[in-house]
Amino acid sequence: VYGNSVLGNVFFYIFQLATAFILAVAANTGFSAFPMLSFNMAKNKYMP
């Protein structure tokens, strides 16, 4: 889509950088949801 022009290459590398970033931080969904689920299960005495 961006082609091989100088500007196209700039857009491409920004795009790749954004993709690498999102993949690296996607794990944070687990860090947000796991503690809340653990809390609810502990409230029902199924977890410490």
ModelCIF file with pLDDT and N, C-alpha, C, O atoms, coordinates in Angstrom:
data_MODEL
#
_entry.id   MODEL 
#
_entity.id                         1 
_entity.type                       polymer 
_entity.pdbx_number_of_molecules   1 
#
_entity_poly.entity_id                      1 
_entity_poly.type                           'polypeptide(L)' 
_entity_poly.nstd_linkage                   no 
_entity_poly.nstd_monomer                   no 
_entity_poly.pdbx_seq_one_letter_code       VYGNSVLGNVFFYIFQLATAFILAVAANTGFSAFPMLSFNMAKNKYMP 
_entity_poly.pdbx_seq_one_letter_code_can   VYGNSVLGNVFFYIFQLATAFILAVAANTGFSAFPMLSFNMAKNKYMP 
_entity_poly.pdbx_strand_id                 A 
#
loop_
_entity_poly_seq.entity_id 
_entity_poly_seq.num 
_entity_poly_seq.mon_id 
_entity_poly_seq.hetero 
1 1  VAL n 
1 2  TYR n 
1 3  GLY n 
1 4  ASN n 
1 5  SER n 
1 6  VAL n 
1 7  LEU n 
1 8  GLY n 
1 9  ASN n 
1 10 VAL n 
1 11 PHE n 
1 12 PHE n 
1 13 TYR n 
1 14 ILE n 
1 15 PHE n 
1 16 GLN n 
1 17 LEU n 
1 18 ALA n 
1 19 THR n 
1 20 ALA n 
1 21 PHE n 
1 22 ILE n 
1 23 LEU n 
1 24 ALA n 
1 25 VAL n 
1 26 ALA n 
1 27 ALA n 
1 28 ASN n 
1 29 THR n 
1 30 GLY n 
1 31 PHE n 
1 32 SER n 
1 33 ALA n 
1 34 PHE n 
1 35 PRO n 
1 36 MET n 
1 37 LEU n 
1 38 SER n 
1 39 PHE n 
1 40 ASN n 
1 41 MET n 
1 42 ALA n 
1 43 LYS n 
1 44 ASN n 
1 45 LYS n 
1 46 TYR n 
1 47 MET n 
1 48 PRO n 
#
_struct_asym.id          A 
_struct_asym.entity_id   1 
#
loop_
_ma_qa_metric.id 
_ma_qa_metric.mode 
_ma_qa_metric.name 
_ma_qa_metric.software_group_id 
_ma_qa_metric.type 
1 global pLDDT . pLDDT 
2 local  pLDDT . pLDDT 
#
_ma_qa_metric_global.metric_id      1 
_ma_qa_metric_global.metric_value   85.71 
_ma_qa_metric_global.model_id       1 
_ma_qa_metric_global.ordinal_id     1 
#
loop_
_ma_qa_metric_local.label_asym_id 
_ma_qa_metric_local.label_comp_id 
_ma_qa_metric_local.label_seq_id 
_ma_qa_metric_local.metric_id 
_ma_qa_metric_local.metric_value 
_ma_qa_metric_local.model_id 
_ma_qa_metric_local.ordinal_id 
A VAL 1  2 93.00 1 1  
A TYR 2  2 92.00 1 2  
A GLY 3  2 88.00 1 3  
A ASN 4  2 86.00 1 4  
A SER 5  2 88.00 1 5  
A VAL 6  2 89.00 1 6  
A LEU 7  2 89.00 1 7  
A GLY 8  2 87.00 1 8  
A ASN 9  2 88.00 1 9  
A VAL 10 2 91.00 1 10 
A PHE 11 2 91.00 1 11 
A PHE 12 2 89.00 1 12 
A TYR 13 2 87.00 1 13 
A ILE 14 2 90.00 1 14 
A PHE 15 2 90.00 1 15 
A GLN 16 2 83.00 1 16 
A LEU 17 2 84.00 1 17 
A ALA 18 2 89.00 1 18 
A THR 19 2 85.00 1 19 
A ALA 20 2 79.00 1 20 
A PHE 21 2 82.00 1 21 
A ILE 22 2 86.00 1 22 
A LEU 23 2 78.00 1 23 
A ALA 24 2 71.00 1 24 
A VAL 25 2 76.00 1 25 
A ALA 26 2 78.00 1 26 
A ALA 27 2 76.00 1 27 
A ASN 28 2 78.00 1 28 
A THR 29 2 77.00 1 29 
A GLY 30 2 80.00 1 30 
A PHE 31 2 83.00 1 31 
A SER 32 2 78.00 1 32 
A ALA 33 2 80.00 1 33 
A PHE 34 2 87.00 1 34 
A PRO 35 2 87.00 1 35 
A MET 36 2 83.00 1 36 
A LEU 37 2 87.00 1 37 
A SER 38 2 89.00 1 38 
A PHE 39 2 88.00 1 39 
A ASN 40 2 86.00 1 40 
A MET 41 2 90.00 1 41 
A ALA 42 2 91.00 1 42 
A LYS 43 2 90.00 1 43 
A ASN 44 2 89.00 1 44 
A LYS 45 2 92.00 1 45 
A TYR 46 2 93.00 1 46 
A MET 47 2 91.00 1 47 
A PRO 48 2 90.00 1 48 
#
loop_
_atom_site.group_PDB 
_atom_site.id 
_atom_site.type_symbol 
_atom_site.label_atom_id 
_atom_site.label_alt_id 
_atom_site.label_comp_id 
_atom_site.label_asym_id 
_atom_site.label_entity_id 
_atom_site.label_seq_id 
_atom_site.pdbx_PDB_ins_code 
_atom_site.Cartn_x 
_atom_site.Cartn_y 
_atom_site.Cartn_z 
_atom_site.occupancy 
_atom_site.B_iso_or_equiv 
_atom_site.pdbx_formal_charge 
_atom_site.auth_seq_id 
_atom_site.auth_comp_id 
_atom_site.auth_asym_id 
_atom_site.auth_atom_id 
_atom_site.pdbx_PDB_model_num 
ATOM 1   N N  . VAL A 1 1  ? 0.833   -1.207  0.000  1.00 93.00 ? 1  VAL A N  1 
ATOM 2   C CA . VAL A 1 1  ? 0.000   0.000   0.000  1.00 93.00 ? 1  VAL A CA 1 
ATOM 3   C C  . VAL A 1 1  ? 0.865   1.254   0.000  1.00 93.00 ? 1  VAL A C  1 
ATOM 4   O O  . VAL A 1 1  ? 0.584   2.191   -0.747 1.00 93.00 ? 1  VAL A O  1 
ATOM 5   N N  . TYR A 1 2  ? 1.912   1.290   0.823  1.00 92.00 ? 2  TYR A N  1 
ATOM 6   C CA . TYR A 1 2  ? 2.727   2.498   0.951  1.00 92.00 ? 2  TYR A CA 1 
ATOM 7   C C  . TYR A 1 2  ? 3.778   2.642   -0.137 1.00 92.00 ? 2  TYR A C  1 
ATOM 8   O O  . TYR A 1 2  ? 4.250   3.750   -0.394 1.00 92.00 ? 2  TYR A O  1 
ATOM 9   N N  . GLY A 1 3  ? 4.159   1.529   -0.790 1.00 88.00 ? 3  GLY A N  1 
ATOM 10  C CA . GLY A 1 3  ? 5.124   1.608   -1.869 1.00 88.00 ? 3  GLY A CA 1 
ATOM 11  C C  . GLY A 1 3  ? 6.548   1.779   -1.377 1.00 88.00 ? 3  GLY A C  1 
ATOM 12  O O  . GLY A 1 3  ? 6.823   1.668   -0.183 1.00 88.00 ? 3  GLY A O  1 
ATOM 13  N N  . ASN A 1 4  ? 7.454   2.051   -2.312 1.00 86.00 ? 4  ASN A N  1 
ATOM 14  C CA . ASN A 1 4  ? 8.884   2.105   -1.998 1.00 86.00 ? 4  ASN A CA 1 
ATOM 15  C C  . ASN A 1 4  ? 9.460   3.514   -1.988 1.00 86.00 ? 4  ASN A C  1 
ATOM 16  O O  . ASN A 1 4  ? 10.680  3.677   -1.975 1.00 86.00 ? 4  ASN A O  1 
ATOM 17  N N  . SER A 1 5  ? 8.612   4.530   -1.992 1.00 88.00 ? 5  SER A N  1 
ATOM 18  C CA . SER A 1 5  ? 9.118   5.899   -1.918 1.00 88.00 ? 5  SER A CA 1 
ATOM 19  C C  . SER A 1 5  ? 9.678   6.157   -0.517 1.00 88.00 ? 5  SER A C  1 
ATOM 20  O O  . SER A 1 5  ? 9.455   5.370   0.402  1.00 88.00 ? 5  SER A O  1 
ATOM 21  N N  . VAL A 1 6  ? 10.401  7.260   -0.365 1.00 89.00 ? 6  VAL A N  1 
ATOM 22  C CA . VAL A 1 6  ? 10.965  7.613   0.935  1.00 89.00 ? 6  VAL A CA 1 
ATOM 23  C C  . VAL A 1 6  ? 9.852   7.791   1.964  1.00 89.00 ? 6  VAL A C  1 
ATOM 24  O O  . VAL A 1 6  ? 9.937   7.273   3.077  1.00 89.00 ? 6  VAL A O  1 
ATOM 25  N N  . LEU A 1 7  ? 8.799   8.534   1.580  1.00 89.00 ? 7  LEU A N  1 
ATOM 26  C CA . LEU A 1 7  ? 7.686   8.755   2.495  1.00 89.00 ? 7  LEU A CA 1 
ATOM 27  C C  . LEU A 1 7  ? 6.969   7.441   2.787  1.00 89.00 ? 7  LEU A C  1 
ATOM 28  O O  . LEU A 1 7  ? 6.545   7.195   3.917  1.00 89.00 ? 7  LEU A O  1 
ATOM 29  N N  . GLY A 1 8  ? 6.834   6.592   1.753  1.00 87.00 ? 8  GLY A N  1 
ATOM 30  C CA . GLY A 1 8  ? 6.191   5.295   1.930  1.00 87.00 ? 8  GLY A CA 1 
ATOM 31  C C  . GLY A 1 8  ? 6.951   4.421   2.919  1.00 87.00 ? 8  GLY A C  1 
ATOM 32  O O  . GLY A 1 8  ? 6.349   3.736   3.746  1.00 87.00 ? 8  GLY A O  1 
ATOM 33  N N  . ASN A 1 9  ? 8.280   4.451   2.829  1.00 88.00 ? 9  ASN A N  1 
ATOM 34  C CA . ASN A 1 9  ? 9.099   3.676   3.771  1.00 88.00 ? 9  ASN A CA 1 
ATOM 35  C C  . ASN A 1 9  ? 8.965   4.193   5.193  1.00 88.00 ? 9  ASN A C  1 
ATOM 36  O O  . ASN A 1 9  ? 8.958   3.414   6.145  1.00 88.00 ? 9  ASN A O  1 
ATOM 37  N N  . VAL A 1 10 ? 8.857   5.526   5.337  1.00 91.00 ? 10 VAL A N  1 
ATOM 38  C CA . VAL A 1 10 ? 8.665   6.107   6.667  1.00 91.00 ? 10 VAL A CA 1 
ATOM 39  C C  . VAL A 1 10 ? 7.355   5.607   7.270  1.00 91.00 ? 10 VAL A C  1 
ATOM 40  O O  . VAL A 1 10 ? 7.313   5.182   8.424  1.00 91.00 ? 10 VAL A O  1 
ATOM 41  N N  . PHE A 1 11 ? 6.274   5.663   6.464  1.00 91.00 ? 11 PHE A N  1 
ATOM 42  C CA . PHE A 1 11 ? 4.973   5.176   6.935  1.00 91.00 ? 11 PHE A CA 1 
ATOM 43  C C  . PHE A 1 11 ? 5.033   3.690   7.290  1.00 91.00 ? 11 PHE A C  1 
ATOM 44  O O  . PHE A 1 11 ? 4.447   3.255   8.281  1.00 91.00 ? 11 PHE A O  1 
ATOM 45  N N  . PHE A 1 12 ? 5.747   2.920   6.468  1.00 89.00 ? 12 PHE A N  1 
ATOM 46  C CA . PHE A 1 12 ? 5.841   1.477   6.697  1.00 89.00 ? 12 PHE A CA 1 
ATOM 47  C C  . PHE A 1 12 ? 6.530   1.181   8.025  1.00 89.00 ? 12 PHE A C  1 
ATOM 48  O O  . PHE A 1 12 ? 6.053   0.348   8.796  1.00 89.00 ? 12 PHE A O  1 
ATOM 49  N N  . TYR A 1 13 ? 7.647   1.856   8.301  1.00 87.00 ? 13 TYR A N  1 
ATOM 50  C CA . TYR A 1 13 ? 8.379   1.564   9.535  1.00 87.00 ? 13 TYR A CA 1 
ATOM 51  C C  . TYR A 1 13 ? 7.627   2.059   10.771 1.00 87.00 ? 13 TYR A C  1 
ATOM 52  O O  . TYR A 1 13 ? 7.706   1.435   11.830 1.00 87.00 ? 13 TYR A O  1 
ATOM 53  N N  . ILE A 1 14 ? 6.908   3.157   10.651 1.00 90.00 ? 14 ILE A N  1 
ATOM 54  C CA . ILE A 1 14 ? 6.047   3.599   11.761 1.00 90.00 ? 14 ILE A CA 1 
ATOM 55  C C  . ILE A 1 14 ? 4.978   2.546   12.025 1.00 90.00 ? 14 ILE A C  1 
ATOM 56  O O  . ILE A 1 14 ? 4.670   2.231   13.175 1.00 90.00 ? 14 ILE A O  1 
ATOM 57  N N  . PHE A 1 15 ? 4.414   2.004   10.940 1.00 90.00 ? 15 PHE A N  1 
ATOM 58  C CA . PHE A 1 15 ? 3.382   0.970   11.054 1.00 90.00 ? 15 PHE A CA 1 
ATOM 59  C C  . PHE A 1 15 ? 3.944   -0.272  11.744 1.00 90.00 ? 15 PHE A C  1 
ATOM 60  O O  . PHE A 1 15 ? 3.301   -0.824  12.637 1.00 90.00 ? 15 PHE A O  1 
ATOM 61  N N  . GLN A 1 16 ? 5.126   -0.714  11.346 1.00 83.00 ? 16 GLN A N  1 
ATOM 62  C CA . GLN A 1 16 ? 5.755   -1.885  11.952 1.00 83.00 ? 16 GLN A CA 1 
ATOM 63  C C  . GLN A 1 16 ? 6.086   -1.647  13.427 1.00 83.00 ? 16 GLN A C  1 
ATOM 64  O O  . GLN A 1 16 ? 5.942   -2.542  14.259 1.00 83.00 ? 16 GLN A O  1 
ATOM 65  N N  . LEU A 1 17 ? 6.531   -0.427  13.735 1.00 84.00 ? 17 LEU A N  1 
ATOM 66  C CA . LEU A 1 17 ? 6.822   -0.084  15.119 1.00 84.00 ? 17 LEU A CA 1 
ATOM 67  C C  . LEU A 1 17 ? 5.553   -0.145  15.965 1.00 84.00 ? 17 LEU A C  1 
ATOM 68  O O  . LEU A 1 17 ? 5.569   -0.663  17.082 1.00 84.00 ? 17 LEU A O  1 
ATOM 69  N N  . ALA A 1 18 ? 4.461   0.385   15.430 1.00 89.00 ? 18 ALA A N  1 
ATOM 70  C CA . ALA A 1 18 ? 3.180   0.365   16.145 1.00 89.00 ? 18 ALA A CA 1 
ATOM 71  C C  . ALA A 1 18 ? 2.707   -1.062  16.373 1.00 89.00 ? 18 ALA A C  1 
ATOM 72  O O  . ALA A 1 18 ? 2.174   -1.380  17.436 1.00 89.00 ? 18 ALA A O  1 
ATOM 73  N N  . THR A 1 19 ? 2.903   -1.930  15.369 1.00 85.00 ? 19 THR A N  1 
ATOM 74  C CA . THR A 1 19 ? 2.499   -3.332  15.498 1.00 85.00 ? 19 THR A CA 1 
ATOM 75  C C  . THR A 1 19 ? 3.319   -4.042  16.566 1.00 85.00 ? 19 THR A C  1 
ATOM 76  O O  . THR A 1 19 ? 2.779   -4.799  17.373 1.00 85.00 ? 19 THR A O  1 
ATOM 77  N N  . ALA A 1 20 ? 4.629   -3.795  16.568 1.00 79.00 ? 20 ALA A N  1 
ATOM 78  C CA . ALA A 1 20 ? 5.493   -4.415  17.590 1.00 79.00 ? 20 ALA A CA 1 
ATOM 79  C C  . ALA A 1 20 ? 5.093   -3.954  18.983 1.00 79.00 ? 20 ALA A C  1 
ATOM 80  O O  . ALA A 1 20 ? 5.065   -4.752  19.919 1.00 79.00 ? 20 ALA A O  1 
ATOM 81  N N  . PHE A 1 21 ? 4.781   -2.666  19.124 1.00 82.00 ? 21 PHE A N  1 
ATOM 82  C CA . PHE A 1 21 ? 4.375   -2.116  20.421 1.00 82.00 ? 21 PHE A CA 1 
ATOM 83  C C  . PHE A 1 21 ? 3.096   -2.768  20.929 1.00 82.00 ? 21 PHE A C  1 
ATOM 84  O O  . PHE A 1 21 ? 3.020   -3.181  22.087 1.00 82.00 ? 21 PHE A O  1 
ATOM 85  N N  . ILE A 1 22 ? 2.080   -2.862  20.052 1.00 86.00 ? 22 ILE A N  1 
ATOM 86  C CA . ILE A 1 22 ? 0.786   -3.386  20.495 1.00 86.00 ? 22 ILE A CA 1 
ATOM 87  C C  . ILE A 1 22 ? 0.906   -4.858  20.887 1.00 86.00 ? 22 ILE A C  1 
ATOM 88  O O  . ILE A 1 22 ? 0.259   -5.309  21.831 1.00 86.00 ? 22 ILE A O  1 
ATOM 89  N N  . LEU A 1 23 ? 1.736   -5.603  20.159 1.00 78.00 ? 23 LEU A N  1 
ATOM 90  C CA . LEU A 1 23 ? 1.926   -7.010  20.498 1.00 78.00 ? 23 LEU A CA 1 
ATOM 91  C C  . LEU A 1 23 ? 2.636   -7.157  21.840 1.00 78.00 ? 23 LEU A C  1 
ATOM 92  O O  . LEU A 1 23 ? 2.344   -8.069  22.613 1.00 78.00 ? 23 LEU A O  1 
ATOM 93  N N  . ALA A 1 24 ? 3.558   -6.259  22.101 1.00 71.00 ? 24 ALA A N  1 
ATOM 94  C CA . ALA A 1 24 ? 4.312   -6.347  23.354 1.00 71.00 ? 24 ALA A CA 1 
ATOM 95  C C  . ALA A 1 24 ? 3.448   -6.007  24.560 1.00 71.00 ? 24 ALA A C  1 
ATOM 96  O O  . ALA A 1 24 ? 3.611   -6.599  25.627 1.00 71.00 ? 24 ALA A O  1 
ATOM 97  N N  . VAL A 1 25 ? 2.519   -5.048  24.394 1.00 76.00 ? 25 VAL A N  1 
ATOM 98  C CA . VAL A 1 25 ? 1.715   -4.603  25.546 1.00 76.00 ? 25 VAL A CA 1 
ATOM 99  C C  . VAL A 1 25 ? 0.342   -5.259  25.610 1.00 76.00 ? 25 VAL A C  1 
ATOM 100 O O  . VAL A 1 25 ? -0.415  -5.017  26.550 1.00 76.00 ? 25 VAL A O  1 
ATOM 101 N N  . ALA A 1 26 ? 0.006   -6.099  24.608 1.00 78.00 ? 26 ALA A N  1 
ATOM 102 C CA . ALA A 1 26 ? -1.314  -6.755  24.612 1.00 78.00 ? 26 ALA A CA 1 
ATOM 103 C C  . ALA A 1 26 ? -1.507  -7.602  25.858 1.00 78.00 ? 26 ALA A C  1 
ATOM 104 O O  . ALA A 1 26 ? -2.634  -7.854  26.284 1.00 78.00 ? 26 ALA A O  1 
ATOM 105 N N  . ALA A 1 27 ? -0.404  -8.035  26.431 1.00 76.00 ? 27 ALA A N  1 
ATOM 106 C CA . ALA A 1 27 ? -0.469  -8.845  27.657 1.00 76.00 ? 27 ALA A CA 1 
ATOM 107 C C  . ALA A 1 27 ? -1.165  -8.107  28.791 1.00 76.00 ? 27 ALA A C  1 
ATOM 108 O O  . ALA A 1 27 ? -1.627  -8.739  29.741 1.00 76.00 ? 27 ALA A O  1 
ATOM 109 N N  . ASN A 1 28 ? -1.250  -6.785  28.710 1.00 78.00 ? 28 ASN A N  1 
ATOM 110 C CA . ASN A 1 28 ? -1.794  -6.037  29.830 1.00 78.00 ? 28 ASN A CA 1 
ATOM 111 C C  . ASN A 1 28 ? -3.273  -6.312  30.062 1.00 78.00 ? 28 ASN A C  1 
ATOM 112 O O  . ASN A 1 28 ? -3.765  -6.100  31.170 1.00 78.00 ? 28 ASN A O  1 
ATOM 113 N N  . THR A 1 29 ? -3.996  -6.779  29.047 1.00 77.00 ? 29 THR A N  1 
ATOM 114 C CA . THR A 1 29 ? -5.385  -7.165  29.250 1.00 77.00 ? 29 THR A CA 1 
ATOM 115 C C  . THR A 1 29 ? -5.473  -8.243  30.324 1.00 77.00 ? 29 THR A C  1 
ATOM 116 O O  . THR A 1 29 ? -6.360  -8.202  31.176 1.00 77.00 ? 29 THR A O  1 
ATOM 117 N N  . GLY A 1 30 ? -4.565  -9.196  30.285 1.00 80.00 ? 30 GLY A N  1 
ATOM 118 C CA . GLY A 1 30 ? -4.537  -10.240 31.306 1.00 80.00 ? 30 GLY A CA 1 
ATOM 119 C C  . GLY A 1 30 ? -4.241  -9.674  32.682 1.00 80.00 ? 30 GLY A C  1 
ATOM 120 O O  . GLY A 1 30 ? -4.834  -10.105 33.671 1.00 80.00 ? 30 GLY A O  1 
ATOM 121 N N  . PHE A 1 31 ? -3.323  -8.703  32.757 1.00 83.00 ? 31 PHE A N  1 
ATOM 122 C CA . PHE A 1 31 ? -2.981  -8.098  34.041 1.00 83.00 ? 31 PHE A CA 1 
ATOM 123 C C  . PHE A 1 31 ? -4.148  -7.303  34.621 1.00 83.00 ? 31 PHE A C  1 
ATOM 124 O O  . PHE A 1 31 ? -4.221  -7.101  35.833 1.00 83.00 ? 31 PHE A O  1 
ATOM 125 N N  . SER A 1 32 ? -5.056  -6.854  33.763 1.00 78.00 ? 32 SER A N  1 
ATOM 126 C CA . SER A 1 32 ? -6.220  -6.108  34.236 1.00 78.00 ? 32 SER A CA 1 
ATOM 127 C C  . SER A 1 32 ? -7.332  -7.048  34.690 1.00 78.00 ? 32 SER A C  1 
ATOM 128 O O  . SER A 1 32 ? -7.967  -6.816  35.718 1.00 78.00 ? 32 SER A O  1 
ATOM 129 N N  . ALA A 1 33 ? -7.567  -8.118  33.913 1.00 80.00 ? 33 ALA A N  1 
ATOM 130 C CA . ALA A 1 33 ? -8.725  -8.982  34.159 1.00 80.00 ? 33 ALA A CA 1 
ATOM 131 C C  . ALA A 1 33 ? -8.448  -10.100 35.172 1.00 80.00 ? 33 ALA A C  1 
ATOM 132 O O  . ALA A 1 33 ? -9.340  -10.458 35.942 1.00 80.00 ? 33 ALA A O  1 
ATOM 133 N N  . PHE A 1 34 ? -7.238  -10.656 35.187 1.00 87.00 ? 34 PHE A N  1 
ATOM 134 C CA . PHE A 1 34 ? -6.908  -11.763 36.089 1.00 87.00 ? 34 PHE A CA 1 
ATOM 135 C C  . PHE A 1 34 ? -7.121  -11.398 37.565 1.00 87.00 ? 34 PHE A C  1 
ATOM 136 O O  . PHE A 1 34 ? -7.758  -12.168 38.284 1.00 87.00 ? 34 PHE A O  1 
ATOM 137 N N  . PRO A 1 35 ? -6.614  -10.256 38.040 1.00 87.00 ? 35 PRO A N  1 
ATOM 138 C CA . PRO A 1 35 ? -6.805  -9.934  39.464 1.00 87.00 ? 35 PRO A CA 1 
ATOM 139 C C  . PRO A 1 35 ? -8.276  -9.778  39.852 1.00 87.00 ? 35 PRO A C  1 
ATOM 140 O O  . PRO A 1 35 ? -8.668  -10.150 40.957 1.00 87.00 ? 35 PRO A O  1 
ATOM 141 N N  . MET A 1 36 ? -9.097  -9.223  38.939 1.00 83.00 ? 36 MET A N  1 
ATOM 142 C CA . MET A 1 36 ? -10.510 -9.044  39.257 1.00 83.00 ? 36 MET A CA 1 
ATOM 143 C C  . MET A 1 36 ? -11.231 -10.382 39.305 1.00 83.00 ? 36 MET A C  1 
ATOM 144 O O  . MET A 1 36 ? -12.072 -10.599 40.178 1.00 83.00 ? 36 MET A O  1 
ATOM 145 N N  . LEU A 1 37 ? -10.912 -11.283 38.376 1.00 87.00 ? 37 LEU A N  1 
ATOM 146 C CA . LEU A 1 37 ? -11.508 -12.620 38.391 1.00 87.00 ? 37 LEU A CA 1 
ATOM 147 C C  . LEU A 1 37 ? -11.064 -13.379 39.641 1.00 87.00 ? 37 LEU A C  1 
ATOM 148 O O  . LEU A 1 37 ? -11.872 -14.062 40.270 1.00 87.00 ? 37 LEU A O  1 
ATOM 149 N N  . SER A 1 38 ? -9.792  -13.265 40.002 1.00 89.00 ? 38 SER A N  1 
ATOM 150 C CA . SER A 1 38 ? -9.284  -13.913 41.218 1.00 89.00 ? 38 SER A CA 1 
ATOM 151 C C  . SER A 1 38 ? -10.020 -13.397 42.450 1.00 89.00 ? 38 SER A C  1 
ATOM 152 O O  . SER A 1 38 ? -10.353 -14.167 43.351 1.00 89.00 ? 38 SER A O  1 
ATOM 153 N N  . PHE A 1 39 ? -10.273 -12.083 42.482 1.00 88.00 ? 39 PHE A N  1 
ATOM 154 C CA . PHE A 1 39 ? -11.011 -11.486 43.591 1.00 88.00 ? 39 PHE A CA 1 
ATOM 155 C C  . PHE A 1 39 ? -12.407 -12.107 43.716 1.00 88.00 ? 39 PHE A C  1 
ATOM 156 O O  . PHE A 1 39 ? -12.831 -12.473 44.813 1.00 88.00 ? 39 PHE A O  1 
ATOM 157 N N  . ASN A 1 40 ? -13.117 -12.225 42.590 1.00 86.00 ? 40 ASN A N  1 
ATOM 158 C CA . ASN A 1 40 ? -14.472 -12.777 42.622 1.00 86.00 ? 40 ASN A CA 1 
ATOM 159 C C  . ASN A 1 40 ? -14.477 -14.239 43.049 1.00 86.00 ? 40 ASN A C  1 
ATOM 160 O O  . ASN A 1 40 ? -15.376 -14.670 43.771 1.00 86.00 ? 40 ASN A O  1 
ATOM 161 N N  . MET A 1 41 ? -13.474 -15.011 42.608 1.00 90.00 ? 41 MET A N  1 
ATOM 162 C CA . MET A 1 41 ? -13.411 -16.411 43.004 1.00 90.00 ? 41 MET A CA 1 
ATOM 163 C C  . MET A 1 41 ? -12.988 -16.547 44.470 1.00 90.00 ? 41 MET A C  1 
ATOM 164 O O  . MET A 1 41 ? -13.455 -17.448 45.166 1.00 90.00 ? 41 MET A O  1 
ATOM 165 N N  . ALA A 1 42 ? -12.113 -15.662 44.940 1.00 91.00 ? 42 ALA A N  1 
ATOM 166 C CA . ALA A 1 42 ? -11.712 -15.686 46.354 1.00 91.00 ? 42 ALA A CA 1 
ATOM 167 C C  . ALA A 1 42 ? -12.883 -15.287 47.250 1.00 91.00 ? 42 ALA A C  1 
ATOM 168 O O  . ALA A 1 42 ? -13.025 -15.800 48.360 1.00 91.00 ? 42 ALA A O  1 
ATOM 169 N N  . LYS A 1 43 ? -13.721 -14.369 46.760 1.00 90.00 ? 43 LYS A N  1 
ATOM 170 C CA . LYS A 1 43 ? -14.894 -13.942 47.519 1.00 90.00 ? 43 LYS A CA 1 
ATOM 171 C C  . LYS A 1 43 ? -15.843 -15.123 47.750 1.00 90.00 ? 43 LYS A C  1 
ATOM 172 O O  . LYS A 1 43 ? -16.538 -15.185 48.764 1.00 90.00 ? 43 LYS A O  1 
ATOM 173 N N  . ASN A 1 44 ? -15.863 -16.065 46.786 1.00 89.00 ? 44 ASN A N  1 
ATOM 174 C CA . ASN A 1 44 ? -16.683 -17.280 46.914 1.00 89.00 ? 44 ASN A CA 1 
ATOM 175 C C  . ASN A 1 44 ? -15.918 -18.431 47.538 1.00 89.00 ? 44 ASN A C  1 
ATOM 176 O O  . ASN A 1 44 ? -16.397 -19.566 47.564 1.00 89.00 ? 44 ASN A O  1 
ATOM 177 N N  . LYS A 1 45 ? -14.706 -18.130 48.050 1.00 92.00 ? 45 LYS A N  1 
ATOM 178 C CA . LYS A 1 45 ? -13.871 -19.088 48.790 1.00 92.00 ? 45 LYS A CA 1 
ATOM 179 C C  . LYS A 1 45 ? -13.318 -20.221 47.916 1.00 92.00 ? 45 LYS A C  1 
ATOM 180 O O  . LYS A 1 45 ? -13.028 -21.307 48.418 1.00 92.00 ? 45 LYS A O  1 
ATOM 181 N N  . TYR A 1 46 ? -13.173 -19.969 46.611 1.00 93.00 ? 46 TYR A N  1 
ATOM 182 C CA . TYR A 1 46 ? -12.553 -20.955 45.730 1.00 93.00 ? 46 TYR A CA 1 
ATOM 183 C C  . TYR A 1 46 ? -11.080 -20.647 45.477 1.00 93.00 ? 46 TYR A C  1 
ATOM 184 O O  . TYR A 1 46 ? -10.358 -21.458 44.897 1.00 93.00 ? 46 TYR A O  1 
ATOM 185 N N  . MET A 1 47 ? -10.640 -19.461 45.921 1.00 91.00 ? 47 MET A N  1 
ATOM 186 C CA . MET A 1 47 ? -9.228  -19.107 45.864 1.00 91.00 ? 47 MET A CA 1 
ATOM 187 C C  . MET A 1 47 ? -8.853  -18.483 47.204 1.00 91.00 ? 47 MET A C  1 
ATOM 188 O O  . MET A 1 47 ? -9.731  -17.991 47.911 1.00 91.00 ? 47 MET A O  1 
ATOM 189 N N  . PRO A 1 48 ? -7.570  -18.491 47.571 1.00 90.00 ? 48 PRO A N  1 
ATOM 190 C CA . PRO A 1 48 ? -7.168  -17.930 48.874 1.00 90.00 ? 48 PRO A CA 1 
ATOM 191 C C  . PRO A 1 48 ? -7.610  -16.473 49.037 1.00 90.00 ? 48 PRO A C  1 
ATOM 192 O O  . PRO A 1 48 ? -7.349  -15.861 50.072 1.00 90.00 ? 48 PRO A O  1 
#
